[in-house]
Amino acid sequence: MLQCATASFRDKPMTPSGATERSWEVDGLHIAGLSWGDTEKKPLLALHGWLDNANSFAMLAPQLADFHVIALDLTGHGKSSRRSADATYEVYDDLPQVLGVVQQLGWDRFDLIGHSRGAIIASILAASFPEKIHHLVLLDGVSPPPLEAGEFVSQMRRYVIDKKRLQNRQTRIYKSMDVAVSAREEQGLNAEASRLIVCRNLTPVEGGFTWATDPRLRGASAVKLTQDQVDAVLQELTMPTLLLMAERGLSETHSSEFTSLGDRVSDLVLETFPGGHHFHMEQGVATLSIRIQSFLFNEEL
């Protein structure tokens, strides 16, 4: 049983069993994270999805026994800093800080895994700095849905309105951690996964707990990539890439985004994996870890 999943939140959020808390200061921002495994083993960086945190990998990372795994809390999530009032949360905004952490770790080249929004960030990072990425693993996500160039103005309008609306938004206060966990379960996560995510995304306040997550993450992006820009990213993914799509995940509603990936990503393995969008936090995680390790070591199953 994962320690974080059973511990009381009254004192402080607990670190999952086997994980070590890590932190870095990059560009004036506090970046938090978790690590698993021997530092002498192969480096693997993990980027979580939207409104999640480093605990997203608390089930998968311990089973990647041949790797030193670092999972970050991306800015505005978990224990990491929120961005300043004038800043944005575009999918590419995290790249300088992610690379700043990598530099402090002393990693010249590493494997990279991302889930959902983290997979999008991982793709953009790998395309922009392919010399740093040995293998790329994407979990139920690869690129942002493209926006027609003519929609730029309406998208910008939505961003400005949302930014003002969410800037000082008072988030809901939960009387207990269990109530917050139940709220996250209603969004489709199982109980154990919900507790893991929630226990790192809550902060104590008068009357109970509220989300540490920056409310601005729920707002519209200022700028979204066009189809040509998405294609440019995909065409620069020259490293071996494994894309695992969940049977009950994004492919159900975004199937058109994945049909021609083989023509745009030069060294792609595309497979479907049982489970929902957070399949890396479900019962099949042991099988998933075997598949990922076989790919990272260039082995055929």
Protein backbone atom coordinates (compact mmCIF):
# COMPACT_ATOMS: atom_id res chain seq x y z
CA MET A 1 0.00 0.00 0.00
CA LEU A 2 1.30 3.44 -0.90
CA GLN A 3 2.02 5.50 2.19
CA CYS A 4 0.51 8.65 0.77
CA ALA A 5 -2.72 6.83 0.04
CA THR A 6 -3.37 5.93 3.67
CA ALA A 7 -1.73 8.65 5.75
CA SER A 8 -3.69 11.32 7.58
CA PHE A 9 -3.40 14.75 5.98
CA ARG A 10 -3.77 16.64 9.26
CA ASP A 11 -0.02 16.91 9.80
CA LYS A 12 1.30 17.17 6.24
CA PRO A 13 1.01 15.38 2.89
CA MET A 14 3.01 12.15 3.00
CA THR A 15 5.58 11.08 0.43
CA PRO A 16 4.75 7.80 -1.33
CA SER A 17 6.68 4.82 -0.03
CA GLY A 18 10.06 4.47 -1.72
CA ALA A 19 10.09 8.03 -3.06
CA THR A 20 12.38 10.88 -2.06
CA GLU A 21 11.27 14.51 -2.02
CA ARG A 22 13.35 16.73 -4.28
CA SER A 23 13.36 20.46 -5.01
CA TRP A 24 15.14 22.95 -7.23
CA GLU A 25 15.15 26.72 -7.72
CA VAL A 26 14.94 27.71 -11.38
CA ASP A 27 14.22 31.19 -12.77
CA GLY A 28 13.05 32.34 -9.34
CA LEU A 29 10.52 29.49 -9.13
CA HIS A 30 10.48 26.64 -6.65
CA ILE A 31 10.18 23.36 -8.54
CA ALA A 32 9.29 20.31 -6.44
CA GLY A 33 9.40 16.67 -7.39
CA LEU A 34 9.93 13.07 -6.37
CA SER A 35 12.66 10.60 -7.19
CA TRP A 36 12.84 6.83 -7.24
CA GLY A 37 15.76 4.48 -7.78
CA ASP A 38 19.54 4.54 -7.74
CA THR A 39 21.12 7.74 -9.06
CA GLU A 40 23.66 5.60 -10.93
CA LYS A 41 20.97 4.02 -13.09
CA LYS A 42 19.60 5.34 -16.38
CA PRO A 43 17.96 8.77 -15.96
CA LEU A 44 14.24 9.06 -16.74
CA LEU A 45 12.27 12.30 -16.42
CA ALA A 46 8.49 12.09 -15.92
CA LEU A 47 5.98 14.88 -16.62
CA HIS A 48 2.43 14.61 -15.28
CA GLY A 49 -0.88 15.66 -16.78
CA TRP A 50 -3.23 18.59 -16.29
CA LEU A 51 -4.21 19.22 -12.64
CA ASP A 52 -2.13 16.21 -11.52
CA ASN A 53 1.33 16.20 -9.90
CA ALA A 54 4.43 14.05 -9.37
CA ASN A 55 2.33 11.46 -7.51
CA SER A 56 0.84 10.59 -10.89
CA PHE A 57 3.87 8.32 -11.29
CA ALA A 58 3.85 6.88 -7.75
CA MET A 59 2.54 3.52 -8.98
CA LEU A 60 4.61 3.24 -12.16
CA ALA A 61 8.00 4.65 -11.11
CA PRO A 62 8.85 2.07 -8.41
CA GLN A 63 8.38 -0.70 -10.98
CA LEU A 64 10.88 0.85 -13.41
CA ALA A 65 13.65 -0.75 -11.41
CA ASP A 66 16.41 -0.15 -13.95
CA PHE A 67 15.97 3.63 -13.91
CA HIS A 68 16.53 6.66 -11.76
CA VAL A 69 13.14 8.33 -12.14
CA ILE A 70 12.54 12.01 -11.45
CA ALA A 71 8.89 13.14 -11.55
CA LEU A 72 8.30 16.88 -11.38
CA ASP A 73 5.45 18.96 -10.07
CA LEU A 74 5.05 21.28 -13.04
CA THR A 75 4.53 24.95 -12.17
CA GLY A 76 1.15 25.68 -10.63
CA HIS A 77 0.75 22.05 -9.55
CA GLY A 78 1.53 20.11 -6.38
CA LYS A 79 4.28 21.67 -4.29
CA SER A 80 5.81 23.79 -7.06
CA SER A 81 5.44 27.57 -7.32
CA ARG A 82 2.60 29.25 -9.09
CA ARG A 83 3.68 31.55 -11.90
CA SER A 84 3.60 35.30 -11.35
CA ALA A 85 0.41 37.27 -11.95
CA ASP A 86 1.58 38.46 -15.37
CA ALA A 87 2.66 35.01 -16.59
CA THR A 88 0.84 32.32 -18.57
CA TYR A 89 0.51 28.53 -18.50
CA GLU A 90 1.08 27.71 -22.16
CA VAL A 91 2.28 24.15 -22.79
CA TYR A 92 5.72 25.48 -23.72
CA ASP A 93 6.12 27.79 -20.70
CA ASP A 94 7.52 24.97 -18.56
CA LEU A 95 10.37 24.10 -20.93
CA PRO A 96 12.98 26.51 -19.47
CA GLN A 97 12.34 25.30 -15.93
CA VAL A 98 12.30 21.61 -16.90
CA LEU A 99 15.63 22.04 -18.65
CA GLY A 100 16.91 24.01 -15.67
CA VAL A 101 16.16 21.04 -13.42
CA VAL A 102 17.83 18.69 -15.90
CA GLN A 103 20.93 20.90 -15.89
CA GLN A 104 21.07 20.86 -12.09
CA LEU A 105 20.74 17.07 -12.16
CA GLY A 106 23.75 16.95 -14.48
CA TRP A 107 21.91 14.94 -17.14
CA ASP A 108 23.31 15.45 -20.65
CA ARG A 109 20.94 12.90 -22.19
CA PHE A 110 17.95 11.14 -20.70
CA ASP A 111 14.76 9.22 -21.39
CA LEU A 112 11.54 11.20 -21.19
CA ILE A 113 7.99 10.12 -20.33
CA GLY A 114 4.86 12.25 -20.20
CA HIS A 115 1.17 11.73 -19.55
CA SER A 116 -1.60 13.76 -21.21
CA ARG A 117 -0.62 17.48 -20.96
CA GLY A 118 2.78 16.25 -19.78
CA ALA A 119 3.03 14.20 -22.97
CA ILE A 120 2.38 17.34 -25.02
CA ILE A 121 5.09 19.21 -23.09
CA ALA A 122 7.42 16.22 -23.53
CA SER A 123 6.84 16.19 -27.28
CA ILE A 124 7.61 19.89 -27.63
CA LEU A 125 10.69 19.52 -25.44
CA ALA A 126 11.95 16.49 -27.39
CA ALA A 127 11.33 18.19 -30.74
CA SER A 128 13.14 21.34 -29.65
CA PHE A 129 16.10 19.56 -28.02
CA PRO A 130 16.32 16.12 -29.68
CA GLU A 131 20.00 15.80 -28.81
CA LYS A 132 19.01 15.50 -25.13
CA ILE A 133 16.37 12.77 -25.46
CA HIS A 134 17.32 9.12 -25.83
CA HIS A 135 13.80 7.64 -25.91
CA LEU A 136 10.38 9.30 -25.68
CA VAL A 137 7.36 7.61 -24.06
CA LEU A 138 3.95 9.26 -24.38
CA LEU A 139 0.93 8.14 -22.34
CA ASP A 140 -2.45 9.03 -23.86
CA GLY A 141 -1.31 12.26 -25.43
CA VAL A 142 1.12 13.56 -28.02
CA SER A 143 0.25 17.04 -29.29
CA PRO A 144 -2.29 19.77 -28.52
CA PRO A 145 -5.45 19.93 -30.64
CA PRO A 146 -4.58 22.41 -33.40
CA LEU A 147 -6.37 25.71 -33.78
CA GLU A 148 -7.23 27.32 -37.09
CA ALA A 149 -5.15 30.46 -37.64
CA GLY A 150 -8.34 32.49 -38.09
CA GLU A 151 -9.38 31.68 -34.53
CA PHE A 152 -6.41 33.50 -33.01
CA VAL A 153 -8.38 36.61 -31.99
CA SER A 154 -11.29 34.73 -30.40
CA GLN A 155 -8.82 32.49 -28.54
CA MET A 156 -6.95 35.54 -27.22
CA ARG A 157 -10.23 37.09 -26.09
CA ARG A 158 -11.12 33.92 -24.14
CA TYR A 159 -7.67 33.95 -22.52
CA VAL A 160 -7.92 37.58 -21.34
CA ILE A 161 -11.42 37.07 -19.93
CA ASP A 162 -10.45 33.83 -18.18
CA LYS A 163 -7.25 35.31 -16.76
CA LYS A 164 -9.16 38.12 -15.08
CA ARG A 165 -11.88 35.76 -13.89
CA LEU A 166 -9.47 33.22 -12.38
CA GLN A 167 -6.68 35.50 -11.13
CA ASN A 168 -7.96 35.78 -7.57
CA ARG A 169 -10.56 33.04 -7.62
CA GLN A 170 -11.37 31.56 -4.23
CA THR A 171 -11.26 27.80 -4.61
CA ARG A 172 -13.60 25.45 -2.82
CA ILE A 173 -12.77 24.51 0.78
CA TYR A 174 -13.15 20.84 1.71
CA LYS A 175 -13.83 19.88 5.33
CA SER A 176 -11.62 16.81 5.01
CA MET A 177 -9.23 15.13 2.62
CA ASP A 178 -11.78 12.36 2.09
CA VAL A 179 -14.32 14.85 0.72
CA ALA A 180 -11.70 16.20 -1.71
CA VAL A 181 -10.79 12.65 -2.76
CA SER A 182 -14.46 11.91 -3.46
CA ALA A 183 -14.66 15.01 -5.63
CA ARG A 184 -11.68 13.81 -7.68
CA GLU A 185 -13.18 10.31 -7.98
CA GLU A 186 -16.23 11.88 -9.59
CA GLN A 187 -13.93 12.94 -12.45
CA GLY A 188 -13.15 9.30 -13.27
CA LEU A 189 -10.13 8.37 -11.14
CA ASN A 190 -10.16 5.28 -8.93
CA ALA A 191 -9.99 5.77 -5.16
CA GLU A 192 -6.27 5.03 -4.72
CA ALA A 193 -5.21 7.20 -7.64
CA SER A 194 -7.48 10.02 -6.49
CA ARG A 195 -6.01 9.97 -3.00
CA LEU A 196 -2.47 10.05 -4.38
CA ILE A 197 -3.15 13.07 -6.59
CA VAL A 198 -5.24 14.89 -4.00
CA CYS A 199 -2.83 14.49 -1.09
CA ARG A 200 -0.16 16.42 -3.04
CA ASN A 201 -2.54 19.00 -4.51
CA LEU A 202 -4.16 20.19 -1.27
CA THR A 203 -3.11 22.89 1.15
CA PRO A 204 -4.56 23.46 4.66
CA VAL A 205 -6.67 26.59 5.23
CA GLU A 206 -9.10 27.73 7.87
CA GLY A 207 -12.04 25.37 7.79
CA GLY A 208 -10.28 22.52 6.03
CA PHE A 209 -8.31 22.20 2.81
CA THR A 210 -8.26 23.78 -0.62
CA TRP A 211 -6.44 23.17 -3.87
CA ALA A 212 -2.83 24.30 -4.13
CA THR A 213 -3.24 24.10 -7.90
CA ASP A 214 -3.27 27.50 -9.62
CA PRO A 215 -6.87 28.24 -10.77
CA ARG A 216 -5.48 29.88 -13.92
CA LEU A 217 -4.66 26.40 -15.24
CA ARG A 218 -8.38 26.02 -15.90
CA GLY A 219 -8.47 29.02 -18.21
CA ALA A 220 -8.07 29.25 -21.96
CA SER A 221 -4.56 29.36 -23.41
CA ALA A 222 -3.49 32.67 -24.91
CA VAL A 223 -2.03 31.04 -28.02
CA LYS A 224 -2.67 27.56 -29.40
CA LEU A 225 -0.61 25.85 -32.09
CA THR A 226 -1.86 25.68 -35.65
CA GLN A 227 -1.87 22.42 -37.62
CA ASP A 228 1.35 23.41 -39.38
CA GLN A 229 3.04 24.06 -36.04
CA VAL A 230 1.84 20.74 -34.62
CA ASP A 231 3.17 18.97 -37.73
CA ALA A 232 6.52 20.75 -37.31
CA VAL A 233 6.78 19.40 -33.75
CA LEU A 234 5.90 15.86 -34.76
CA GLN A 235 8.34 15.83 -37.67
CA GLU A 236 11.20 16.73 -35.31
CA LEU A 237 10.58 13.73 -33.07
CA THR A 238 13.48 11.75 -34.51
CA MET A 239 14.22 9.65 -31.39
CA PRO A 240 12.54 6.27 -30.80
CA THR A 241 9.03 7.15 -29.61
CA LEU A 242 6.44 4.94 -27.92
CA LEU A 243 2.88 6.27 -27.85
CA LEU A 244 0.49 4.26 -25.68
CA MET A 245 -3.13 5.28 -26.06
CA ALA A 246 -5.71 4.26 -23.45
CA GLU A 247 -8.60 2.14 -24.68
CA ARG A 248 -10.97 4.43 -22.79
CA GLY A 249 -8.91 7.59 -23.06
CA LEU A 250 -8.39 10.48 -25.45
CA SER A 251 -8.53 8.29 -28.56
CA GLU A 252 -12.29 7.92 -28.04
CA THR A 253 -12.82 11.61 -28.75
CA HIS A 254 -9.61 12.61 -30.56
CA SER A 255 -9.01 9.61 -32.84
CA SER A 256 -8.39 11.78 -35.91
CA GLU A 257 -5.26 13.22 -34.25
CA PHE A 258 -3.58 9.81 -34.18
CA THR A 259 -4.52 8.26 -37.52
CA SER A 260 -1.62 9.73 -39.51
CA LEU A 261 1.04 9.91 -36.80
CA GLY A 262 3.08 7.18 -38.44
CA ASP A 263 3.57 9.45 -41.45
CA ARG A 264 4.71 12.39 -39.33
CA VAL A 265 6.81 10.76 -36.57
CA SER A 266 9.75 8.94 -38.12
CA ASP A 267 10.42 6.30 -35.43
CA LEU A 268 7.05 5.72 -33.80
CA VAL A 269 5.56 2.70 -32.09
CA LEU A 270 1.83 3.29 -31.56
CA GLU A 271 -0.12 0.88 -29.36
CA THR A 272 -3.37 0.80 -27.41
CA PHE A 273 -3.28 -0.14 -23.74
CA PRO A 274 -6.20 -1.34 -21.58
CA GLY A 275 -7.71 1.14 -19.16
CA GLY A 276 -8.80 4.72 -18.87
CA HIS A 277 -6.96 8.00 -19.34
CA HIS A 278 -4.93 7.42 -16.15
CA PHE A 279 -4.08 3.81 -17.04
CA HIS A 280 -0.62 4.30 -15.49
CA MET A 281 -2.42 4.52 -12.14
CA GLU A 282 -4.64 1.47 -12.60
CA GLN A 283 -4.36 -2.28 -12.08
CA GLY A 284 -2.44 -2.88 -15.29
CA VAL A 285 0.53 -0.78 -14.16
CA ALA A 286 2.81 -3.82 -13.73
CA THR A 287 2.24 -4.88 -17.34
CA LEU A 288 2.69 -1.28 -18.42
CA SER A 289 6.06 -1.05 -16.67
CA ILE A 290 7.28 -4.16 -18.49
CA ARG A 291 6.23 -2.70 -21.84
CA ILE A 292 7.93 0.62 -21.16
CA GLN A 293 11.18 -0.94 -19.95
CA SER A 294 11.34 -3.27 -22.95
CA PHE A 295 10.99 -0.26 -25.24
CA LEU A 296 13.56 1.82 -23.36
CA PHE A 297 16.06 -1.04 -23.62
CA ASN A 298 15.19 -1.66 -27.29
CA GLU A 299 13.93 -5.16 -26.57
CA GLU A 300 11.16 -6.94 -28.46
CA LEU A 301 8.36 -8.47 -26.39
